[in-house]
PDB file of N, CA and C in Angstrom:
ATOM      1  N   MET A   1      63.850 120.823 103.247  1.00  0.00           N
ATOM      2  CA  MET A   1      64.659 119.659 103.572  1.00  0.00           C
ATOM      3  C   MET A   1      65.344 119.106 102.325  1.00  0.00           C
ATOM      4  N   LEU A   2      64.592 118.944 101.239  1.00  0.00           N
ATOM      5  CA  LEU A   2      65.154 118.426  99.997  1.00  0.00           C
ATOM      6  C   LEU A   2      66.174 119.401  99.419  1.00  0.00           C
ATOM      7  N   ARG A   3      65.898 120.694  99.518  1.00  0.00           N
ATOM      8  CA  ARG A   3      66.824 121.704  99.017  1.00  0.00           C
ATOM      9  C   ARG A   3      68.146 121.667  99.769  1.00  0.00           C
ATOM     10  N   LYS A   4      68.056 121.481 101.074  1.00  0.00           N
ATOM     11  CA  LYS A   4      69.255 121.395 101.899  1.00  0.00           C
ATOM     12  C   LYS A   4      70.069 120.152 101.535  1.00  0.00           C
ATOM     13  N   PHE A   5      69.392 119.041 101.307  1.00  0.00           N
ATOM     14  CA  PHE A   5      70.060 117.795 100.908  1.00  0.00           C
ATOM     15  C   PHE A   5      70.794 117.968  99.575  1.00  0.00           C
ATOM     16  N   ILE A   6      70.129 118.589  98.607  1.00  0.00           N
ATOM     17  CA  ILE A   6      70.742 118.816  97.293  1.00  0.00           C
ATOM     18  C   ILE A   6      71.944 119.747  97.427  1.00  0.00           C
ATOM     19  N   LEU A   7      71.825 120.778  98.220  1.00  0.00           N
ATOM     20  CA  LEU A   7      72.927 121.711  98.434  1.00  0.00           C
ATOM     21  C   LEU A   7      74.136 120.992  99.042  1.00  0.00           C
ATOM     22  N   TYR A   8      73.915 120.192 100.076  1.00  0.00           N
ATOM     23  CA  TYR A   8      75.013 119.439 100.689  1.00  0.00           C
ATOM     24  C   TYR A   8      75.622 118.434  99.716  1.00  0.00           C
ATOM     25  N   PHE A   9      74.770 117.790  98.942  1.00  0.00           N
ATOM     26  CA  PHE A   9      75.249 116.807  97.963  1.00  0.00           C
ATOM     27  C   PHE A   9      76.151 117.474  96.920  1.00  0.00           C
ATOM     28  N   VAL A  10      75.729 118.600  96.397  1.00  0.00           N
ATOM     29  CA  VAL A  10      76.526 119.333  95.401  1.00  0.00           C
ATOM     30  C   VAL A  10      77.824 119.833  96.028  1.00  0.00           C
ATOM     31  N   LEU A  11      77.757 120.340  97.224  1.00  0.00           N
ATOM     32  CA  LEU A  11      78.946 120.834  97.917  1.00  0.00           C
ATOM     33  C   LEU A  11      79.958 119.713  98.140  1.00  0.00           C
ATOM     34  N   ILE A  12      79.492 118.569  98.599  1.00  0.00           N
ATOM     35  CA  ILE A  12      80.389 117.425  98.806  1.00  0.00           C
ATOM     36  C   ILE A  12      80.976 116.948  97.480  1.00  0.00           C
ATOM     37  N   ALA A  13      80.181 116.924  96.422  1.00  0.00           N
ATOM     38  CA  ALA A  13      80.679 116.514  95.098  1.00  0.00           C
ATOM     39  C   ALA A  13      81.764 117.462  94.607  1.00  0.00           C
ATOM     40  N   VAL A  14      81.573 118.758  94.795  1.00  0.00           N
ATOM     41  CA  VAL A  14      82.572 119.746  94.368  1.00  0.00           C
ATOM     42  C   VAL A  14      83.862 119.587  95.168  1.00  0.00           C
ATOM     43  N   VAL A  15      83.760 119.393  96.459  1.00  0.00           N
ATOM     44  CA  VAL A  15      84.937 119.227  97.305  1.00  0.00           C
ATOM     45  C   VAL A  15      85.698 117.952  96.918  1.00  0.00           C
ATOM     46  N   LEU A  16      84.988 116.845  96.736  1.00  0.00           N
ATOM     47  CA  LEU A  16      85.648 115.588  96.368  1.00  0.00           C
ATOM     48  C   LEU A  16      86.303 115.678  94.990  1.00  0.00           C
ATOM     49  N   THR A  17      85.648 116.306  94.048  1.00  0.00           N
ATOM     50  CA  THR A  17      86.227 116.494  92.714  1.00  0.00           C
ATOM     51  C   THR A  17      87.480 117.368  92.789  1.00  0.00           C
ATOM     52  N   SER A  18      87.425 118.422  93.574  1.00  0.00           N
ATOM     53  CA  SER A  18      88.587 119.295  93.750  1.00  0.00           C
ATOM     54  C   SER A  18      89.749 118.546  94.389  1.00  0.00           C
ATOM     55  N   LEU A  19      89.458 117.734  95.385  1.00  0.00           N
ATOM     56  CA  LEU A  19      90.506 116.937  96.030  1.00  0.00           C
ATOM     57  C   LEU A  19      91.127 115.936  95.055  1.00  0.00           C
ATOM     58  N   PHE A  20      90.307 115.314  94.235  1.00  0.00           N
ATOM     59  CA  PHE A  20      90.808 114.358  93.250  1.00  0.00           C
ATOM     60  C   PHE A  20      91.752 115.036  92.256  1.00  0.00           C
ATOM     61  N   PHE A  21      91.337 116.169  91.680  1.00  0.00           N
ATOM     62  CA  PHE A  21      92.176 116.873  90.713  1.00  0.00           C
ATOM     63  C   PHE A  21      93.453 117.404  91.360  1.00  0.00           C
ATOM     64  N   THR A  22      93.363 117.874  92.596  1.00  0.00           N
ATOM     65  CA  THR A  22      94.547 118.355  93.299  1.00  0.00           C
ATOM     66  C   THR A  22      95.535 117.222  93.544  1.00  0.00           C
ATOM     67  N   ALA A  23      95.028 116.087  94.009  1.00  0.00           N
ATOM     68  CA  ALA A  23      95.901 114.933  94.248  1.00  0.00           C
ATOM     69  C   ALA A  23      96.491 114.417  92.941  1.00  0.00           C
ATOM     70  N   ALA A  24      95.708 114.370  91.891  1.00  0.00           N
ATOM     71  CA  ALA A  24      96.208 113.882  90.603  1.00  0.00           C
ATOM     72  C   ALA A  24      97.293 114.792  90.051  1.00  0.00           C
ATOM     73  N   TYR A  25      97.185 116.085  90.295  1.00  0.00           N
ATOM     74  CA  TYR A  25      98.157 117.019  89.758  1.00  0.00           C
ATOM     75  C   TYR A  25      99.453 117.053  90.576  1.00  0.00           C
ATOM     76  N   TYR A  26      99.338 117.051  91.901  1.00  0.00           N
ATOM     77  CA  TYR A  26     100.514 117.241  92.744  1.00  0.00           C
ATOM     78  C   TYR A  26     101.159 115.945  93.234  1.00  0.00           C
ATOM     79  N   ALA A  27     100.408 114.878  93.358  1.00  0.00           N
ATOM     80  CA  ALA A  27     100.963 113.633  93.885  1.00  0.00           C
ATOM     81  C   ALA A  27     101.697 112.873  92.783  1.00  0.00           C
ATOM     82  N   THR A  28     102.900 112.426  93.074  1.00  0.00           N
ATOM     83  CA  THR A  28     103.662 111.630  92.108  1.00  0.00           C
ATOM     84  C   THR A  28     103.935 110.258  92.697  1.00  0.00           C
ATOM     85  N   TYR A  29     103.947 109.278  91.829  1.00  0.00           N
ATOM     86  CA  TYR A  29     104.200 107.908  92.241  1.00  0.00           C
ATOM     87  C   TYR A  29     105.703 107.646  92.309  1.00  0.00           C
ATOM     88  N   SER A  30     106.436 108.120  91.293  1.00  0.00           N
ATOM     89  CA  SER A  30     107.882 107.943  91.282  1.00  0.00           C
ATOM     90  C   SER A  30     108.514 109.044  90.456  1.00  0.00           C
ATOM     91  N   GLU A  31     109.819 109.151  90.557  1.00  0.00           N
ATOM     92  CA  GLU A  31     110.583 110.085  89.743  1.00  0.00           C
ATOM     93  C   GLU A  31     111.953 109.487  89.504  1.00  0.00           C
ATOM     94  N   GLY A  32     112.566 109.883  88.397  1.00  0.00           N
ATOM     95  CA  GLY A  32     113.874 109.317  88.095  1.00  0.00           C
ATOM     96  C   GLY A  32     114.385 109.777  86.746  1.00  0.00           C
ATOM     97  N   ASP A  33     115.382 109.051  86.253  1.00  0.00           N
ATOM     98  CA  ASP A  33     116.021 109.350  84.978  1.00  0.00           C
ATOM     99  C   ASP A  33     115.998 108.118  84.102  1.00  0.00           C
ATOM    100  N   ARG A  34     115.946 108.331  82.805  1.00  0.00           N
ATOM    101  CA  ARG A  34     116.075 107.263  81.815  1.00  0.00           C
ATOM    102  C   ARG A  34     116.995 107.780  80.720  1.00  0.00           C
ATOM    103  N   THR A  35     117.790 106.893  80.159  1.00  0.00           N
ATOM    104  CA  THR A  35     118.643 107.264  79.042  1.00  0.00           C
ATOM    105  C   THR A  35     118.380 106.330  77.878  1.00  0.00           C
ATOM    106  N   GLY A  36     118.565 106.853  76.689  1.00  0.00           N
ATOM    107  CA  GLY A  36     118.378 106.057  75.490  1.00  0.00           C
ATOM    108  C   GLY A  36     118.303 106.958  74.277  1.00  0.00           C
ATOM    109  N   GLU A  37     118.057 106.347  73.140  1.00  0.00           N
ATOM    110  CA  GLU A  37     117.965 107.096  71.893  1.00  0.00           C
ATOM    111  C   GLU A  37     116.533 107.599  71.702  1.00  0.00           C
ATOM    112  N   LEU A  38     116.402 108.887  71.498  1.00  0.00           N
ATOM    113  CA  LEU A  38     115.083 109.491  71.269  1.00  0.00           C
ATOM    114  C   LEU A  38     114.655 109.141  69.850  1.00  0.00           C
ATOM    115  N   ILE A  39     113.718 108.202  69.728  1.00  0.00           N
ATOM    116  CA  ILE A  39     113.331 107.711  68.409  1.00  0.00           C
ATOM    117  C   ILE A  39     112.031 108.317  67.900  1.00  0.00           C
ATOM    118  N   LYS A  40     111.266 108.959  68.783  1.00  0.00           N
ATOM    119  CA  LYS A  40     109.998 109.535  68.339  1.00  0.00           C
ATOM    120  C   LYS A  40     109.603 110.660  69.273  1.00  0.00           C
ATOM    121  N   PHE A  41     109.140 111.765  68.671  1.00  0.00           N
ATOM    122  CA  PHE A  41     108.579 112.853  69.456  1.00  0.00           C
ATOM    123  C   PHE A  41     107.623 113.620  68.551  1.00  0.00           C
ATOM    124  N   SER A  42     106.357 113.661  68.915  1.00  0.00           N
ATOM    125  CA  SER A  42     105.369 114.308  68.065  1.00  0.00           C
ATOM    126  C   SER A  42     104.177 114.793  68.877  1.00  0.00           C
ATOM    127  N   LYS A  43     103.432 115.696  68.263  1.00  0.00           N
ATOM    128  CA  LYS A  43     102.192 116.186  68.858  1.00  0.00           C
ATOM    129  C   LYS A  43     101.066 115.436  68.173  1.00  0.00           C
ATOM    130  N   LYS A  44     100.217 114.779  68.961  1.00  0.00           N
ATOM    131  CA  LYS A  44      99.173 113.967  68.356  1.00  0.00           C
ATOM    132  C   LYS A  44      97.884 114.039  69.160  1.00  0.00           C
ATOM    133  N   GLY A  45      96.814 113.561  68.530  1.00  0.00           N
ATOM    134  CA  GLY A  45      95.533 113.506  69.197  1.00  0.00           C
ATOM    135  C   GLY A  45      94.428 114.064  68.322  1.00  0.00           C
ATOM    136  N   TYR A  46      93.214 113.595  68.544  1.00  0.00           N
ATOM    137  CA  TYR A  46      92.059 114.073  67.792  1.00  0.00           C
ATOM    138  C   TYR A  46      91.460 115.310  68.435  1.00  0.00           C
ATOM    139  N   VAL A  47      91.087 115.199  69.684  1.00  0.00           N
ATOM    140  CA  VAL A  47      90.452 116.313  70.383  1.00  0.00           C
ATOM    141  C   VAL A  47      91.488 117.113  71.149  1.00  0.00           C
ATOM    142  N   PHE A  48      92.308 116.420  71.936  1.00  0.00           N
ATOM    143  CA  PHE A  48      93.351 117.054  72.729  1.00  0.00           C
ATOM    144  C   PHE A  48      94.699 116.721  72.102  1.00  0.00           C
ATOM    145  N   LYS A  49      95.402 117.724  71.598  1.00  0.00           N
ATOM    146  CA  LYS A  49      96.733 117.533  71.020  1.00  0.00           C
ATOM    147  C   LYS A  49      97.741 117.532  72.160  1.00  0.00           C
ATOM    148  N   THR A  50      98.459 116.406  72.300  1.00  0.00           N
ATOM    149  CA  THR A  50      99.447 116.283  73.363  1.00  0.00           C
ATOM    150  C   THR A  50     100.787 115.871  72.776  1.00  0.00           C
ATOM    151  N   TRP A  51     101.863 116.202  73.465  1.00  0.00           N
ATOM    152  CA  TRP A  51     103.211 115.832  73.048  1.00  0.00           C
ATOM    153  C   TRP A  51     103.544 114.457  73.604  1.00  0.00           C
ATOM    154  N   GLU A  52     103.904 113.533  72.711  1.00  0.00           N
ATOM    155  CA  GLU A  52     104.211 112.160  73.086  1.00  0.00           C
ATOM    156  C   GLU A  52     105.553 111.766  72.471  1.00  0.00           C
ATOM    157  N   GLY A  53     106.281 110.911  73.161  1.00  0.00           N
ATOM    158  CA  GLY A  53     107.573 110.478  72.631  1.00  0.00           C
ATOM    159  C   GLY A  53     107.949 109.092  73.099  1.00  0.00           C
ATOM    160  N   GLU A  54     109.021 108.583  72.490  1.00  0.00           N
ATOM    161  CA  GLU A  54     109.547 107.260  72.833  1.00  0.00           C
ATOM    162  C   GLU A  54     111.066 107.299  72.842  1.00  0.00           C
ATOM    163  N   ILE A  55     111.626 106.575  73.802  1.00  0.00           N
ATOM    164  CA  ILE A  55     113.067 106.406  73.894  1.00  0.00           C
ATOM    165  C   ILE A  55     113.368 104.918  73.806  1.00  0.00           C
ATOM    166  N   SER A  56     114.289 104.551  72.913  1.00  0.00           N
ATOM    167  CA  SER A  56     114.737 103.168  72.803  1.00  0.00           C
ATOM    168  C   SER A  56     115.860 102.970  73.812  1.00  0.00           C
ATOM    169  N   GLN A  57     115.691 101.985  74.694  1.00  0.00           N
ATOM    170  CA  GLN A  57     116.671 101.745  75.748  1.00  0.00           C
ATOM    171  C   GLN A  57     117.482 100.479  75.526  1.00  0.00           C
ATOM    172  N   GLY A  58     117.438  99.949  74.332  1.00  0.00           N
ATOM    173  CA  GLY A  58     118.203  98.742  74.050  1.00  0.00           C
ATOM    174  C   GLY A  58     118.684  98.735  72.619  1.00  0.00           C
ATOM    175  N   ILE A  59     119.588  97.826  72.317  1.00  0.00           N
ATOM    176  CA  ILE A  59     120.152  97.758  70.976  1.00  0.00           C
ATOM    177  C   ILE A  59     119.076  97.379  69.964  1.00  0.00           C
ATOM    178  N   SER A  60     118.254  96.426  70.295  1.00  0.00           N
ATOM    179  CA  SER A  60     117.254  95.947  69.347  1.00  0.00           C
ATOM    180  C   SER A  60     115.965  96.767  69.374  1.00  0.00           C
ATOM    181  N   GLY A  61     115.860  97.699  70.277  1.00  0.00           N
ATOM    182  CA  GLY A  61     114.634  98.478  70.393  1.00  0.00           C
ATOM    183  C   GLY A  61     113.536  97.728  71.126  1.00  0.00           C
ATOM    184  N   ALA A  62     113.915  96.654  71.822  1.00  0.00           N
ATOM    185  CA  ALA A  62     112.919  95.856  72.532  1.00  0.00           C
ATOM    186  C   ALA A  62     112.391  96.575  73.772  1.00  0.00           C
ATOM    187  N   GLN A  63     113.197  97.458  74.333  1.00  0.00           N
ATOM    188  CA  GLN A  63     112.766  98.199  75.512  1.00  0.00           C
ATOM    189  C   GLN A  63     112.476  99.637  75.104  1.00  0.00           C
ATOM    190  N   ILE A  64     111.211  99.981  75.047  1.00  0.00           N
ATOM    191  CA  ILE A  64     110.787 101.322  74.656  1.00  0.00           C
ATOM    192  C   ILE A  64     110.155 102.007  75.864  1.00  0.00           C
ATOM    193  N   PHE A  65     110.634 103.200  76.162  1.00  0.00           N
ATOM    194  CA  PHE A  65     110.078 104.022  77.241  1.00  0.00           C
ATOM    195  C   PHE A  65     109.200 105.084  76.591  1.00  0.00           C
ATOM    196  N   LYS A  66     107.899 105.021  76.840  1.00  0.00           N
ATOM    197  CA  LYS A  66     106.951 105.988  76.279  1.00  0.00           C
ATOM    198  C   LYS A  66     106.674 107.062  77.317  1.00  0.00           C
ATOM    199  N   PHE A  67     106.590 108.303  76.851  1.00  0.00           N
ATOM    200  CA  PHE A  67     106.408 109.420  77.776  1.00  0.00           C
ATOM    201  C   PHE A  67     105.556 110.516  77.146  1.00  0.00           C
ATOM    202  N   SER A  68     105.130 111.440  77.985  1.00  0.00           N
ATOM    203  CA  SER A  68     104.371 112.614  77.564  1.00  0.00           C
ATOM    204  C   SER A  68     105.090 113.858  78.078  1.00  0.00           C
ATOM    205  N   VAL A  69     104.765 115.004  77.485  1.00  0.00           N
ATOM    206  CA  VAL A  69     105.289 116.288  77.936  1.00  0.00           C
ATOM    207  C   VAL A  69     104.110 117.249  78.025  1.00  0.00           C
ATOM    208  N   LEU A  70     104.000 117.938  79.150  1.00  0.00           N
ATOM    209  CA  LEU A  70     102.923 118.911  79.318  1.00  0.00           C
ATOM    210  C   LEU A  70     103.169 120.119  78.426  1.00  0.00           C
ATOM    211  N   ASP A  71     102.105 120.708  77.894  1.00  0.00           N
ATOM    212  CA  ASP A  71     102.212 121.849  76.979  1.00  0.00           C
ATOM    213  C   ASP A  71     102.943 123.047  77.575  1.00  0.00           C
ATOM    214  N   ASN A  72     102.879 123.238  78.885  1.00  0.00           N
ATOM    215  CA  ASN A  72     103.512 124.409  79.489  1.00  0.00           C
ATOM    216  C   ASN A  72     105.022 124.236  79.683  1.00  0.00           C
ATOM    217  N   ASP A  73     105.583 123.066  79.334  1.00  0.00           N
ATOM    218  CA  ASP A  73     107.029 122.835  79.414  1.00  0.00           C
ATOM    219  C   ASP A  73     107.686 123.105  78.060  1.00  0.00           C
ATOM    220  N   ALA A  74     107.663 124.378  77.641  1.00  0.00           N
ATOM    221  CA  ALA A  74     108.156 124.761  76.310  1.00  0.00           C
ATOM    222  C   ALA A  74     109.635 124.439  76.132  1.00  0.00           C
ATOM    223  N   GLU A  75     110.442 124.637  77.162  1.00  0.00           N
ATOM    224  CA  GLU A  75     111.881 124.365  77.057  1.00  0.00           C
ATOM    225  C   GLU A  75     112.144 122.873  76.829  1.00  0.00           C
ATOM    226  N   VAL A  76     111.409 122.015  77.522  1.00  0.00           N
ATOM    227  CA  VAL A  76     111.545 120.565  77.353  1.00  0.00           C
ATOM    228  C   VAL A  76     111.122 120.163  75.944  1.00  0.00           C
ATOM    229  N   ILE A  77     110.034 120.731  75.448  1.00  0.00           N
ATOM    230  CA  ILE A  77     109.553 120.417  74.094  1.00  0.00           C
ATOM    231  C   ILE A  77     110.612 120.792  73.063  1.00  0.00           C
ATOM    232  N   GLU A  78     111.197 121.974  73.189  1.00  0.00           N
ATOM    233  CA  GLU A  78     112.229 122.410  72.238  1.00  0.00           C
ATOM    234  C   GLU A  78     113.472 121.528  72.319  1.00  0.00           C
ATOM    235  N   ASP A  79     113.878 121.154  73.539  1.00  0.00           N
ATOM    236  CA  ASP A  79     115.050 120.275  73.706  1.00  0.00           C
ATOM    237  C   ASP A  79     114.808 118.914  73.065  1.00  0.00           C
ATOM    238  N   LEU A  80     113.617 118.379  73.212  1.00  0.00           N
ATOM    239  CA  LEU A  80     113.312 117.079  72.616  1.00  0.00           C
ATOM    240  C   LEU A  80     113.254 117.172  71.091  1.00  0.00           C
ATOM    241  N   LYS A  81     112.688 118.243  70.558  1.00  0.00           N
ATOM    242  CA  LYS A  81     112.670 118.433  69.104  1.00  0.00           C
ATOM    243  C   LYS A  81     114.090 118.493  68.551  1.00  0.00           C
ATOM    244  N   LYS A  82     114.934 119.233  69.248  1.00  0.00           N
ATOM    245  CA  LYS A  82     116.316 119.440  68.809  1.00  0.00           C
ATOM    246  C   LYS A  82     117.135 118.145  68.879  1.00  0.00           C
ATOM    247  N   ASN A  83     116.828 117.274  69.811  1.00  0.00           N
ATOM    248  CA  ASN A  83     117.634 116.067  70.036  1.00  0.00           C
ATOM    249  C   ASN A  83     117.036 114.796  69.459  1.00  0.00           C
ATOM    250  N   GLN A  84     116.054 114.907  68.580  1.00  0.00           N
ATOM    251  CA  GLN A  84     115.461 113.701  67.999  1.00  0.00           C
ATOM    252  C   GLN A  84     116.533 112.911  67.250  1.00  0.00           C
ATOM    253  N   GLY A  85     116.577 111.609  67.507  1.00  0.00           N
ATOM    254  CA  GLY A  85     117.579 110.742  66.892  1.00  0.00           C
ATOM    255  C   GLY A  85     118.873 110.678  67.674  1.00  0.00           C
ATOM    256  N   GLN A  86     118.983 111.443  68.748  1.00  0.00           N
ATOM    257  CA  GLN A  86     120.193 111.494  69.564  1.00  0.00           C
ATOM    258  C   GLN A  86     120.011 110.678  70.848  1.00  0.00           C
ATOM    259  N   TYR A  87     121.126 110.406  71.495  1.00  0.00           N
ATOM    260  CA  TYR A  87     121.119 109.730  72.783  1.00  0.00           C
ATOM    261  C   TYR A  87     120.899 110.791  73.855  1.00  0.00           C
ATOM    262  N   VAL A  88     119.868 110.624  74.672  1.00  0.00           N
ATOM    263  CA  VAL A  88     119.511 111.629  75.670  1.00  0.00           C
ATOM    264  C   VAL A  88     119.264 110.985  77.035  1.00  0.00           C
ATOM    265  N   LYS A  89     119.349 111.836  78.045  1.00  0.00           N
ATOM    266  CA  LYS A  89     118.961 111.463  79.409  1.00  0.00           C
ATOM    267  C   LYS A  89     117.779 112.353  79.763  1.00  0.00           C
ATOM    268  N   VAL A  90     116.668 111.739  80.141  1.00  0.00           N
ATOM    269  CA  VAL A  90     115.481 112.505  80.515  1.00  0.00           C
ATOM    270  C   VAL A  90     115.170 112.282  81.990  1.00  0.00           C
ATOM    271  N   THR A  91     114.768 113.348  82.633  1.00  0.00           N
ATOM    272  CA  THR A  91     114.301 113.281  84.011  1.00  0.00           C
ATOM    273  C   THR A  91     112.776 113.302  83.954  1.00  0.00           C
ATOM    274  N   TYR A  92     112.145 112.414  84.705  1.00  0.00           N
ATOM    275  CA  TYR A  92     110.688 112.285  84.614  1.00  0.00           C
ATOM    276  C   TYR A  92     110.056 112.178  85.982  1.00  0.00           C
ATOM    277  N   ILE A  93     108.746 112.420  85.990  1.00  0.00           N
ATOM    278  CA  ILE A  93     107.920 112.083  87.149  1.00  0.00           C
ATOM    279  C   ILE A  93     106.818 111.159  86.645  1.00  0.00           C
ATOM    280  N   GLU A  94     106.444 110.222  87.489  1.00  0.00           N
ATOM    281  CA  GLU A  94     105.332 109.327  87.164  1.00  0.00           C
ATOM    282  C   GLU A  94     104.165 109.683  88.057  1.00  0.00           C
ATOM    283  N   ARG A  95     103.040 109.956  87.439  1.00  0.00           N
ATOM    284  CA  ARG A  95     101.835 110.312  88.188  1.00  0.00           C
ATOM    285  C   ARG A  95     100.942 109.078  88.355  1.00  0.00           C
ATOM    286  N   TYR A  96     100.055 109.134  89.327  1.00  0.00           N
ATOM    287  CA  TYR A  96      99.121 108.039  89.563  1.00  0.00           C
ATOM    288  C   TYR A  96      98.119 107.878  88.429  1.00  0.00           C
ATOM    289  N   THR A  97      97.733 108.995  87.842  1.00  0.00           N
ATOM    290  CA  THR A  97      96.729 108.963  86.791  1.00  0.00           C
ATOM    291  C   THR A  97      97.022 110.063  85.786  1.00  0.00           C
ATOM    292  N   THR A  98      96.319 110.047  84.688  1.00  0.00           N
ATOM    293  CA  THR A  98      96.468 111.082  83.679  1.00  0.00           C
ATOM    294  C   THR A  98      95.087 111.519  83.202  1.00  0.00           C
ATOM    295  N   PHE A  99      95.065 112.603  82.489  1.00  0.00           N
ATOM    296  CA  PHE A  99      93.837 113.109  81.897  1.00  0.00           C
ATOM    297  C   PHE A  99      94.072 113.244  80.396  1.00  0.00           C
ATOM    298  N   PRO A 100      93.019 113.192  79.587  1.00  0.00           N
ATOM    299  CA  PRO A 100      93.205 113.245  78.129  1.00  0.00           C
ATOM    300  C   PRO A 100      93.956 114.488  77.646  1.00  0.00           C
ATOM    301  N   TRP A 101      93.832 115.595  78.345  1.00  0.00           N
ATOM    302  CA  TRP A 101      94.494 116.822  77.914  1.00  0.00           C
ATOM    303  C   TRP A 101      95.946 116.886  78.394  1.00  0.00           C
ATOM    304  N   TRP A 102      96.400 115.927  79.203  1.00  0.00           N
ATOM    305  CA  TRP A 102      97.794 115.876  79.650  1.00  0.00           C
ATOM    306  C   TRP A 102      98.643 114.997  78.743  1.00  0.00           C
ATOM    307  N   GLY A 103      98.100 113.854  78.316  1.00  0.00           N
ATOM    308  CA  GLY A 103      98.873 112.949  77.479  1.00  0.00           C
ATOM    309  C   GLY A 103      98.409 111.520  77.622  1.00  0.00           C
ATOM    310  N   ASP A 104      99.090 110.627  76.879  1.00  0.00           N
ATOM    311  CA  ASP A 104      98.697 109.213  76.851  1.00  0.00           C
ATOM    312  C   ASP A 104      99.308 108.377  77.969  1.00  0.00           C
ATOM    313  N   THR A 105     100.398 108.846  78.554  1.00  0.00           N
ATOM    314  CA  THR A 105     101.100 108.037  79.553  1.00  0.00           C
ATOM    315  C   THR A 105     101.034 108.701  80.920  1.00  0.00           C
ATOM    316  N   ASN A 106     101.538 107.994  81.925  1.00  0.00           N
ATOM    317  CA  ASN A 106     101.654 108.551  83.274  1.00  0.00           C
ATOM    318  C   ASN A 106     103.044 109.127  83.522  1.00  0.00           C
ATOM    319  N   TYR A 107     103.937 109.048  82.523  1.00  0.00           N
ATOM    320  CA  TYR A 107     105.309 109.532  82.651  1.00  0.00           C
ATOM    321  C   TYR A 107     105.428 110.898  81.981  1.00  0.00           C
ATOM    322  N   TYR A 108     105.912 111.897  82.727  1.00  0.00           N
ATOM    323  CA  TYR A 108     106.020 113.262  82.219  1.00  0.00           C
ATOM    324  C   TYR A 108     107.457 113.738  82.350  1.00  0.00           C
ATOM    325  N   ILE A 109     108.033 114.168  81.228  1.00  0.00           N
ATOM    326  CA  ILE A 109     109.424 114.603  81.197  1.00  0.00           C
ATOM    327  C   ILE A 109     109.513 116.021  81.745  1.00  0.00           C
ATOM    328  N   THR A 110     110.508 116.241  82.623  1.00  0.00           N
ATOM    329  CA  THR A 110     110.709 117.557  83.218  1.00  0.00           C
ATOM    330  C   THR A 110     112.037 118.183  82.818  1.00  0.00           C
ATOM    331  N   LYS A 111     112.983 117.359  82.279  1.00  0.00           N
ATOM    332  CA  LYS A 111     114.304 117.875  81.911  1.00  0.00           C
ATOM    333  C   LYS A 111     114.931 116.943  80.881  1.00  0.00           C
ATOM    334  N   VAL A 112     115.695 117.527  79.951  1.00  0.00           N
ATOM    335  CA  VAL A 112     116.361 116.751  78.905  1.00  0.00           C
ATOM    336  C   VAL A 112     117.834 117.148  78.850  1.00  0.00           C
ATOM    337  N   GLN A 113     118.715 116.143  78.753  1.00  0.00           N
ATOM    338  CA  GLN A 113     120.147 116.393  78.595  1.00  0.00           C
ATOM    339  C   GLN A 113     120.678 115.495  77.488  1.00  0.00           C
ATOM    340  N   THR A 114     121.571 116.039  76.659  1.00  0.00           N
ATOM    341  CA  THR A 114     122.220 115.225  75.638  1.00  0.00           C
ATOM    342  C   THR A 114     123.307 114.394  76.308  1.00  0.00           C
ATOM    343  N   GLU A 115     123.386 113.128  75.953  1.00  0.00           N
ATOM    344  CA  GLU A 115     124.377 112.213  76.513  1.00  0.00           C
ATOM    345  C   GLU A 115     125.192 111.603  75.387  1.00  0.00           C
ATOM    346  N   LYS A 116     126.356 111.088  75.734  1.00  0.00           N
ATOM    347  CA  LYS A 116     127.187 110.374  74.767  1.00  0.00           C
ATOM    348  C   LYS A 116     126.678 108.936  74.692  1.00  0.00           C
ATOM    349  N   SER A 117     126.444 108.466  73.484  1.00  0.00           N
ATOM    350  CA  SER A 117     125.922 107.112  73.304  1.00  0.00           C
ATOM    351  C   SER A 117     127.000 106.082  73.619  1.00  0.00           C
ATOM    352  N   PRO A 118     126.665 105.057  74.402  1.00  0.00           N
ATOM    353  CA  PRO A 118     127.648 104.004  74.688  1.00  0.00           C
ATOM    354  C   PRO A 118     127.814 103.049  73.503  1.00  0.00           C
ATOM    355  N   PHE A 119     126.959 103.151  72.494  1.00  0.00           N
ATOM    356  CA  PHE A 119     127.003 102.245  71.356  1.00  0.00           C
ATOM    357  C   PHE A 119     127.819 102.772  70.208  1.00  0.00           C
ATOM    358  N   LYS A 120     128.141 104.052  70.183  1.00  0.00           N
ATOM    359  CA  LYS A 120     128.920 104.652  69.109  1.00  0.00           C
ATOM    360  C   LYS A 120     130.357 104.824  69.566  1.00  0.00           C
ATOM    361  N   LEU A 121     131.232 104.058  69.010  1.00  0.00           N
ATOM    362  CA  LEU A 121     132.644 104.135  69.382  1.00  0.00           C
ATOM    363  C   LEU A 121     133.375 105.082  68.421  1.00  0.00           C
ATOM    364  N   LYS A 122     134.061 106.059  68.967  1.00  0.00           N
ATOM    365  CA  LYS A 122     134.830 106.994  68.140  1.00  0.00           C
ATOM    366  C   LYS A 122     136.190 107.196  68.729  1.00  0.00           C
TER     367      LYS A 122
END
């Protein structure tokens, strides 16, 4: 009887954990685009090294959009490295939760485009 109880308990725990990780990975809260000057992009962390960045969305830098990039998005990482200091448009998804090996934020960049800055008149 006790063995059967432990078996069911472990089975239910495994199923619930699997459902949680599946929902956390596939479910998104929102998605959209942000534009601004890419002011920071770096790989950081003590145990889990993750790609983190910031976009300034205002003249004074008062509005900062912080984001993460998953390690398997090599093209996005290269585009962000190449465009540091430039005005960019990023496409993102917002997840309900994050894990330490994914990044510090719930915002994950999926695409990067160079944009013309509205503040530089030429």
